[in-house]
Amino acid sequence: MASVCLILQVRLAVDAIIMAEGAERKEQLAAWTADKKQVSAYAMNLPQIDNGVMVPPSGWKCAKCDKKDNLWLNLTDGMILCGRKNFDGTGGNNHAIEHYKETSYPLAVKLGTITADLEAAGNANLHCEGFEISHIIIFFA
């Protein structure tokens, strides 16, 4: 019986050690939560065009070519366009950059980086990468 109690006490001690947060981990968490997201000056008065664009949950492709990766959602008009061409010729065809040069619409978000429940996030009034979640919700069904 005494050996069972000793085994149980050792097991509880091991579990406590495994679950303990050390000083380094506590510092990391404190630094991470202390980071304040900067809100882009462009996001403060971002014009958004209610042109009926609804972004589907998947199956995205560039509106000007058939690229299906490195896609960016313009937060003013909902256009989905491919990003920059890489130095080795891979990547996009610069359509998102060309769209910016044509329209001066200042903010875009890379598709695939939006992972939160958008409705819940919008209700929480969160900021994400310098713009409000409400800037994204307008284009999602």
N, C-alpha and C. Protein backbone atom coordinates (compact mmCIF):
# COMPACT_ATOMS: atom_id res chain seq x y z
N MET A 1 0.82 -1.20 0.00
CA MET A 1 0.00 0.00 0.00
C MET A 1 0.86 1.25 0.00
N ALA A 2 1.96 1.23 0.77
CA ALA A 2 2.85 2.38 0.83
C ALA A 2 3.52 2.63 -0.52
N SER A 3 3.83 1.54 -1.24
CA SER A 3 4.47 1.72 -2.55
C SER A 3 3.51 2.34 -3.55
N VAL A 4 2.22 2.03 -3.46
CA VAL A 4 1.21 2.61 -4.34
C VAL A 4 1.10 4.10 -4.07
N CYS A 5 1.13 4.49 -2.79
CA CYS A 5 1.06 5.90 -2.43
C CYS A 5 2.29 6.64 -2.93
N LEU A 6 3.46 6.00 -2.82
CA LEU A 6 4.70 6.62 -3.30
C LEU A 6 4.64 6.80 -4.81
N ILE A 7 4.18 5.80 -5.52
CA ILE A 7 4.07 5.88 -6.99
C ILE A 7 3.10 7.01 -7.37
N LEU A 8 1.99 7.09 -6.65
CA LEU A 8 1.02 8.15 -6.92
C LEU A 8 1.61 9.53 -6.65
N GLN A 9 2.35 9.69 -5.56
CA GLN A 9 2.97 10.97 -5.23
C GLN A 9 4.02 11.35 -6.27
N VAL A 10 4.80 10.37 -6.73
CA VAL A 10 5.80 10.64 -7.77
C VAL A 10 5.10 11.06 -9.06
N ARG A 11 4.04 10.35 -9.42
CA ARG A 11 3.30 10.67 -10.64
C ARG A 11 2.73 12.09 -10.58
N LEU A 12 2.16 12.46 -9.44
CA LEU A 12 1.62 13.81 -9.27
C LEU A 12 2.72 14.87 -9.37
N ALA A 13 3.88 14.57 -8.79
CA ALA A 13 5.01 15.51 -8.85
C ALA A 13 5.49 15.66 -10.28
N VAL A 14 5.59 14.57 -11.03
CA VAL A 14 6.03 14.61 -12.43
C VAL A 14 5.03 15.42 -13.26
N ASP A 15 3.75 15.15 -13.05
CA ASP A 15 2.73 15.90 -13.79
C ASP A 15 2.80 17.40 -13.49
N ALA A 16 3.03 17.75 -12.23
CA ALA A 16 3.14 19.17 -11.85
C ALA A 16 4.33 19.82 -12.53
N ILE A 17 5.44 19.11 -12.63
CA ILE A 17 6.64 19.64 -13.30
C ILE A 17 6.37 19.84 -14.78
N ILE A 18 5.74 18.85 -15.39
CA ILE A 18 5.46 18.94 -16.83
C ILE A 18 4.52 20.11 -17.13
N MET A 19 3.54 20.33 -16.27
CA MET A 19 2.54 21.37 -16.51
C MET A 19 2.99 22.77 -16.07
N ALA A 20 4.08 22.86 -15.35
CA ALA A 20 4.53 24.14 -14.82
C ALA A 20 5.02 25.06 -15.93
N GLU A 21 4.72 26.34 -15.78
CA GLU A 21 5.22 27.35 -16.70
C GLU A 21 6.43 28.00 -16.07
N GLY A 22 7.55 27.91 -16.75
CA GLY A 22 8.77 28.52 -16.24
C GLY A 22 8.77 30.03 -16.46
N ALA A 23 9.77 30.68 -15.87
CA ALA A 23 9.89 32.13 -15.99
C ALA A 23 10.04 32.57 -17.44
N GLU A 24 10.81 31.81 -18.22
CA GLU A 24 11.01 32.17 -19.63
C GLU A 24 9.70 32.13 -20.39
N ARG A 25 8.89 31.09 -20.16
CA ARG A 25 7.60 30.97 -20.84
C ARG A 25 6.67 32.12 -20.43
N LYS A 26 6.67 32.47 -19.15
CA LYS A 26 5.84 33.57 -18.67
C LYS A 26 6.27 34.88 -19.31
N GLU A 27 7.57 35.10 -19.49
CA GLU A 27 8.06 36.31 -20.15
C GLU A 27 7.63 36.35 -21.61
N GLN A 28 7.71 35.20 -22.28
CA GLN A 28 7.28 35.14 -23.68
C GLN A 28 5.80 35.48 -23.81
N LEU A 29 4.98 34.91 -22.94
CA LEU A 29 3.55 35.19 -22.99
C LEU A 29 3.26 36.66 -22.70
N ALA A 30 3.96 37.22 -21.72
CA ALA A 30 3.76 38.63 -21.38
C ALA A 30 4.15 39.53 -22.54
N ALA A 31 5.27 39.22 -23.21
CA ALA A 31 5.71 40.03 -24.34
C ALA A 31 4.73 39.92 -25.50
N TRP A 32 4.21 38.73 -25.73
CA TRP A 32 3.29 38.52 -26.84
C TRP A 32 1.98 39.26 -26.61
N THR A 33 1.45 39.19 -25.40
CA THR A 33 0.18 39.85 -25.14
C THR A 33 0.33 41.36 -25.02
N ALA A 34 1.55 41.83 -24.75
CA ALA A 34 1.77 43.27 -24.61
C ALA A 34 1.89 43.96 -25.97
N ASP A 35 2.16 43.17 -27.02
CA ASP A 35 2.28 43.76 -28.35
C ASP A 35 0.98 44.41 -28.75
N LYS A 36 1.05 45.66 -29.13
CA LYS A 36 -0.13 46.38 -29.58
C LYS A 36 -0.09 46.43 -31.10
N LYS A 37 -1.16 46.00 -31.72
CA LYS A 37 -1.24 46.06 -33.17
C LYS A 37 -1.43 47.51 -33.58
N GLN A 38 -0.67 47.92 -34.57
CA GLN A 38 -0.83 49.26 -35.09
C GLN A 38 -1.95 49.25 -36.13
N VAL A 39 -2.79 50.24 -36.07
CA VAL A 39 -3.85 50.36 -37.05
C VAL A 39 -3.34 51.26 -38.16
N SER A 40 -3.43 50.77 -39.37
CA SER A 40 -3.00 51.53 -40.53
C SER A 40 -3.81 52.82 -40.66
N ALA A 41 -3.13 53.89 -41.03
CA ALA A 41 -3.83 55.16 -41.27
C ALA A 41 -4.86 54.99 -42.39
N TYR A 42 -4.58 54.09 -43.32
CA TYR A 42 -5.51 53.85 -44.42
C TYR A 42 -6.78 53.16 -43.93
N ALA A 43 -6.67 52.37 -42.86
CA ALA A 43 -7.83 51.64 -42.36
C ALA A 43 -8.81 52.54 -41.63
N MET A 44 -8.33 53.65 -41.13
CA MET A 44 -9.19 54.53 -40.36
C MET A 44 -10.41 55.00 -41.15
N ASN A 45 -10.21 55.37 -42.39
CA ASN A 45 -11.30 55.85 -43.25
C ASN A 45 -11.31 55.09 -44.57
N LEU A 46 -11.16 53.79 -44.48
CA LEU A 46 -11.09 52.98 -45.69
C LEU A 46 -12.40 53.02 -46.46
N PRO A 47 -12.35 53.50 -47.71
CA PRO A 47 -13.57 53.44 -48.51
C PRO A 47 -13.82 52.01 -48.94
N GLN A 48 -15.05 51.55 -48.82
CA GLN A 48 -15.39 50.21 -49.28
C GLN A 48 -16.57 50.32 -50.22
N ILE A 49 -16.41 49.70 -51.37
CA ILE A 49 -17.42 49.74 -52.41
C ILE A 49 -18.35 48.55 -52.24
N ASP A 50 -19.61 48.80 -52.02
CA ASP A 50 -20.59 47.73 -51.91
C ASP A 50 -21.06 47.39 -53.32
N ASN A 51 -20.23 46.60 -54.01
CA ASN A 51 -20.53 46.27 -55.40
C ASN A 51 -21.06 44.84 -55.55
N GLY A 52 -21.50 44.24 -54.45
CA GLY A 52 -22.10 42.92 -54.51
C GLY A 52 -21.10 41.79 -54.56
N VAL A 53 -19.81 42.08 -54.45
CA VAL A 53 -18.79 41.03 -54.49
C VAL A 53 -18.92 40.17 -53.24
N MET A 54 -19.01 38.86 -53.43
CA MET A 54 -19.00 37.91 -52.33
C MET A 54 -17.88 36.91 -52.59
N VAL A 55 -16.95 36.84 -51.66
CA VAL A 55 -15.81 35.95 -51.79
C VAL A 55 -16.24 34.56 -51.33
N PRO A 56 -16.06 33.54 -52.17
CA PRO A 56 -16.42 32.19 -51.76
C PRO A 56 -15.43 31.67 -50.71
N PRO A 57 -15.81 30.67 -49.93
CA PRO A 57 -14.92 30.16 -48.90
C PRO A 57 -13.70 29.42 -49.45
N SER A 58 -13.74 29.03 -50.71
CA SER A 58 -12.60 28.34 -51.32
C SER A 58 -12.71 28.48 -52.84
N GLY A 59 -11.74 27.91 -53.55
CA GLY A 59 -11.77 27.95 -55.01
C GLY A 59 -11.36 29.29 -55.58
N TRP A 60 -10.55 30.06 -54.86
CA TRP A 60 -10.14 31.39 -55.30
C TRP A 60 -9.19 31.32 -56.48
N LYS A 61 -9.27 32.32 -57.35
CA LYS A 61 -8.28 32.50 -58.42
C LYS A 61 -8.23 33.97 -58.77
N CYS A 62 -7.12 34.36 -59.36
CA CYS A 62 -6.91 35.75 -59.75
C CYS A 62 -7.97 36.15 -60.78
N ALA A 63 -8.49 37.36 -60.63
CA ALA A 63 -9.52 37.85 -61.56
C ALA A 63 -8.95 38.16 -62.94
N LYS A 64 -7.61 38.27 -63.06
CA LYS A 64 -7.01 38.62 -64.35
C LYS A 64 -6.21 37.49 -64.97
N CYS A 65 -5.98 36.42 -64.23
CA CYS A 65 -5.28 35.25 -64.78
C CYS A 65 -5.77 34.01 -64.02
N ASP A 66 -5.18 32.89 -64.24
CA ASP A 66 -5.64 31.66 -63.61
C ASP A 66 -4.83 31.26 -62.39
N LYS A 67 -4.02 32.16 -61.83
CA LYS A 67 -3.23 31.84 -60.64
C LYS A 67 -4.16 31.51 -59.48
N LYS A 68 -3.81 30.47 -58.72
CA LYS A 68 -4.63 30.05 -57.59
C LYS A 68 -3.88 30.11 -56.27
N ASP A 69 -2.67 30.68 -56.29
CA ASP A 69 -1.93 30.86 -55.04
C ASP A 69 -1.33 32.26 -55.03
N ASN A 70 -0.86 32.67 -53.85
CA ASN A 70 -0.33 34.02 -53.66
C ASN A 70 -1.39 35.05 -54.08
N LEU A 71 -2.60 34.87 -53.54
CA LEU A 71 -3.73 35.73 -53.90
C LEU A 71 -4.00 36.75 -52.79
N TRP A 72 -4.42 37.93 -53.21
CA TRP A 72 -4.68 39.05 -52.31
C TRP A 72 -6.09 39.57 -52.54
N LEU A 73 -6.80 39.84 -51.43
CA LEU A 73 -8.15 40.41 -51.48
C LEU A 73 -8.04 41.90 -51.23
N ASN A 74 -8.45 42.72 -52.20
CA ASN A 74 -8.44 44.16 -52.03
C ASN A 74 -9.62 44.53 -51.13
N LEU A 75 -9.35 45.28 -50.08
CA LEU A 75 -10.38 45.57 -49.08
C LEU A 75 -11.28 46.74 -49.44
N THR A 76 -11.04 47.37 -50.57
CA THR A 76 -11.95 48.42 -51.02
C THR A 76 -13.01 47.87 -51.95
N ASP A 77 -12.58 47.07 -52.94
CA ASP A 77 -13.55 46.60 -53.94
C ASP A 77 -13.75 45.09 -53.99
N GLY A 78 -13.02 44.32 -53.16
CA GLY A 78 -13.20 42.88 -53.10
C GLY A 78 -12.54 42.10 -54.23
N MET A 79 -11.74 42.77 -55.04
CA MET A 79 -11.04 42.07 -56.13
C MET A 79 -10.03 41.08 -55.55
N ILE A 80 -9.97 39.90 -56.14
CA ILE A 80 -8.95 38.90 -55.78
C ILE A 80 -7.95 38.87 -56.92
N LEU A 81 -6.72 39.20 -56.57
CA LEU A 81 -5.67 39.30 -57.60
C LEU A 81 -4.39 38.65 -57.09
N CYS A 82 -3.56 38.21 -58.01
CA CYS A 82 -2.31 37.54 -57.63
C CYS A 82 -1.25 38.56 -57.23
N GLY A 83 -0.32 38.09 -56.41
CA GLY A 83 0.73 38.94 -55.87
C GLY A 83 1.93 39.07 -56.79
N ARG A 84 3.04 39.43 -56.19
CA ARG A 84 4.26 39.71 -56.93
C ARG A 84 4.88 38.48 -57.56
N LYS A 85 5.55 38.74 -58.65
CA LYS A 85 6.33 37.70 -59.30
C LYS A 85 7.65 37.60 -58.55
N ASN A 86 8.08 36.38 -58.24
CA ASN A 86 9.34 36.17 -57.55
C ASN A 86 10.52 36.36 -58.49
N PHE A 87 11.69 36.53 -57.91
CA PHE A 87 12.90 36.76 -58.71
C PHE A 87 13.17 35.63 -59.69
N ASP A 88 12.72 34.42 -59.36
CA ASP A 88 12.98 33.27 -60.23
C ASP A 88 11.87 33.04 -61.25
N GLY A 89 10.90 33.97 -61.31
CA GLY A 89 9.82 33.85 -62.27
C GLY A 89 8.58 33.15 -61.74
N THR A 90 8.68 32.56 -60.55
CA THR A 90 7.52 31.91 -59.96
C THR A 90 6.68 32.94 -59.22
N GLY A 91 5.59 32.49 -58.65
CA GLY A 91 4.73 33.40 -57.88
C GLY A 91 3.63 33.95 -58.75
N GLY A 92 3.24 35.17 -58.46
CA GLY A 92 2.12 35.79 -59.17
C GLY A 92 2.54 36.53 -60.41
N ASN A 93 1.61 37.29 -60.94
CA ASN A 93 1.83 38.09 -62.15
C ASN A 93 1.71 39.59 -61.87
N ASN A 94 1.84 39.98 -60.60
CA ASN A 94 1.79 41.39 -60.19
C ASN A 94 0.43 42.04 -60.36
N HIS A 95 -0.64 41.27 -60.52
CA HIS A 95 -1.94 41.88 -60.77
C HIS A 95 -2.46 42.70 -59.60
N ALA A 96 -2.18 42.30 -58.35
CA ALA A 96 -2.61 43.09 -57.19
C ALA A 96 -1.90 44.44 -57.18
N ILE A 97 -0.62 44.45 -57.52
CA ILE A 97 0.14 45.70 -57.56
C ILE A 97 -0.36 46.59 -58.69
N GLU A 98 -0.61 46.01 -59.85
CA GLU A 98 -1.13 46.79 -60.98
C GLU A 98 -2.49 47.40 -60.62
N HIS A 99 -3.32 46.64 -59.91
CA HIS A 99 -4.64 47.14 -59.49
C HIS A 99 -4.47 48.34 -58.56
N TYR A 100 -3.51 48.24 -57.64
CA TYR A 100 -3.26 49.38 -56.75
C TYR A 100 -2.82 50.60 -57.55
N LYS A 101 -1.94 50.41 -58.52
CA LYS A 101 -1.46 51.53 -59.33
C LYS A 101 -2.59 52.17 -60.12
N GLU A 102 -3.55 51.36 -60.56
CA GLU A 102 -4.68 51.87 -61.33
C GLU A 102 -5.72 52.58 -60.46
N THR A 103 -5.94 52.07 -59.24
CA THR A 103 -7.06 52.54 -58.42
C THR A 103 -6.67 53.34 -57.18
N SER A 104 -5.44 53.13 -56.70
CA SER A 104 -4.96 53.69 -55.43
C SER A 104 -5.73 53.16 -54.22
N TYR A 105 -6.40 52.01 -54.36
CA TYR A 105 -7.05 51.39 -53.21
C TYR A 105 -5.95 50.83 -52.32
N PRO A 106 -5.84 51.31 -51.08
CA PRO A 106 -4.62 51.15 -50.30
C PRO A 106 -4.42 49.85 -49.52
N LEU A 107 -5.46 49.05 -49.25
CA LEU A 107 -5.27 47.89 -48.39
C LEU A 107 -5.72 46.60 -49.05
N ALA A 108 -4.91 45.56 -48.81
CA ALA A 108 -5.25 44.21 -49.27
C ALA A 108 -4.78 43.24 -48.20
N VAL A 109 -5.42 42.08 -48.16
CA VAL A 109 -5.04 41.03 -47.23
C VAL A 109 -4.77 39.77 -48.04
N LYS A 110 -3.74 39.04 -47.64
CA LYS A 110 -3.41 37.82 -48.36
C LYS A 110 -4.41 36.74 -48.00
N LEU A 111 -5.07 36.18 -49.01
CA LEU A 111 -6.02 35.11 -48.77
C LEU A 111 -5.27 33.88 -48.27
N GLY A 112 -5.88 33.19 -47.36
CA GLY A 112 -5.23 32.05 -46.74
C GLY A 112 -4.68 32.41 -45.36
N THR A 113 -4.58 33.71 -45.08
CA THR A 113 -4.13 34.13 -43.75
C THR A 113 -5.30 34.47 -42.85
N ILE A 114 -6.49 34.42 -43.39
CA ILE A 114 -7.70 34.70 -42.61
C ILE A 114 -8.18 33.36 -42.08
N THR A 115 -8.02 33.15 -40.78
CA THR A 115 -8.35 31.84 -40.23
C THR A 115 -9.41 31.89 -39.15
N ALA A 116 -9.75 33.07 -38.64
CA ALA A 116 -10.70 33.18 -37.54
C ALA A 116 -12.12 33.05 -38.04
N ASP A 117 -13.02 32.79 -37.13
CA ASP A 117 -14.44 32.84 -37.41
C ASP A 117 -14.77 34.31 -37.61
N LEU A 118 -14.96 34.72 -38.85
CA LEU A 118 -15.07 36.13 -39.17
C LEU A 118 -16.24 36.81 -38.47
N GLU A 119 -17.38 36.13 -38.37
CA GLU A 119 -18.54 36.75 -37.73
C GLU A 119 -18.24 37.02 -36.25
N ALA A 120 -17.67 36.04 -35.57
CA ALA A 120 -17.35 36.22 -34.15
C ALA A 120 -16.27 37.28 -33.98
N ALA A 121 -15.29 37.27 -34.86
CA ALA A 121 -14.21 38.25 -34.76
C ALA A 121 -14.74 39.65 -34.99
N GLY A 122 -15.64 39.81 -35.94
CA GLY A 122 -16.21 41.13 -36.20
C GLY A 122 -16.99 41.64 -35.01
N ASN A 123 -17.71 40.74 -34.35
CA ASN A 123 -18.48 41.15 -33.18
C ASN A 123 -17.57 41.53 -32.02
N ALA A 124 -16.36 41.00 -32.00
CA ALA A 124 -15.43 41.30 -30.92
C ALA A 124 -14.68 42.60 -31.18
N ASN A 125 -14.88 43.22 -32.36
CA ASN A 125 -14.23 44.47 -32.72
C ASN A 125 -12.70 44.36 -32.64
N LEU A 126 -12.17 43.29 -33.23
CA LEU A 126 -10.74 43.04 -33.20
C LEU A 126 -10.03 43.78 -34.33
N HIS A 127 -8.75 44.01 -34.15
CA HIS A 127 -7.92 44.52 -35.22
C HIS A 127 -6.99 43.41 -35.66
N CYS A 128 -6.70 43.35 -36.93
CA CYS A 128 -5.86 42.29 -37.46
C CYS A 128 -4.94 42.89 -38.51
N GLU A 129 -3.65 42.83 -38.27
CA GLU A 129 -2.66 43.31 -39.24
C GLU A 129 -2.96 44.72 -39.74
N GLY A 130 -3.41 45.60 -38.86
CA GLY A 130 -3.57 47.00 -39.22
C GLY A 130 -4.91 47.39 -39.80
N PHE A 131 -5.86 46.49 -39.84
CA PHE A 131 -7.18 46.86 -40.31
C PHE A 131 -8.20 46.14 -39.44
N GLU A 132 -9.42 46.58 -39.47
CA GLU A 132 -10.45 45.95 -38.67
C GLU A 132 -11.04 44.76 -39.40
N ILE A 133 -11.42 43.75 -38.63
CA ILE A 133 -12.04 42.56 -39.20
C ILE A 133 -13.29 42.94 -40.00
N SER A 134 -13.97 44.00 -39.60
CA SER A 134 -15.17 44.42 -40.33
C SER A 134 -14.85 44.80 -41.77
N HIS A 135 -13.60 45.15 -42.06
CA HIS A 135 -13.21 45.45 -43.44
C HIS A 135 -13.23 44.20 -44.31
N ILE A 136 -13.08 43.04 -43.69
CA ILE A 136 -13.06 41.78 -44.44
C ILE A 136 -14.46 41.21 -44.56
N ILE A 137 -15.23 41.29 -43.49
CA ILE A 137 -16.53 40.65 -43.44
C ILE A 137 -17.45 41.07 -44.57
N ILE A 138 -17.33 42.29 -45.01
CA ILE A 138 -18.21 42.82 -46.06
C ILE A 138 -18.19 41.96 -47.33
N PHE A 139 -17.08 41.28 -47.60
CA PHE A 139 -16.95 40.52 -48.85
C PHE A 139 -17.22 39.03 -48.69
N PHE A 140 -17.49 38.56 -47.46
CA PHE A 140 -17.72 37.14 -47.26
C PHE A 140 -19.20 36.88 -47.00
N ALA A 141 -19.69 35.81 -47.60
CA ALA A 141 -21.11 35.46 -47.47
C ALA A 141 -21.42 34.95 -46.07
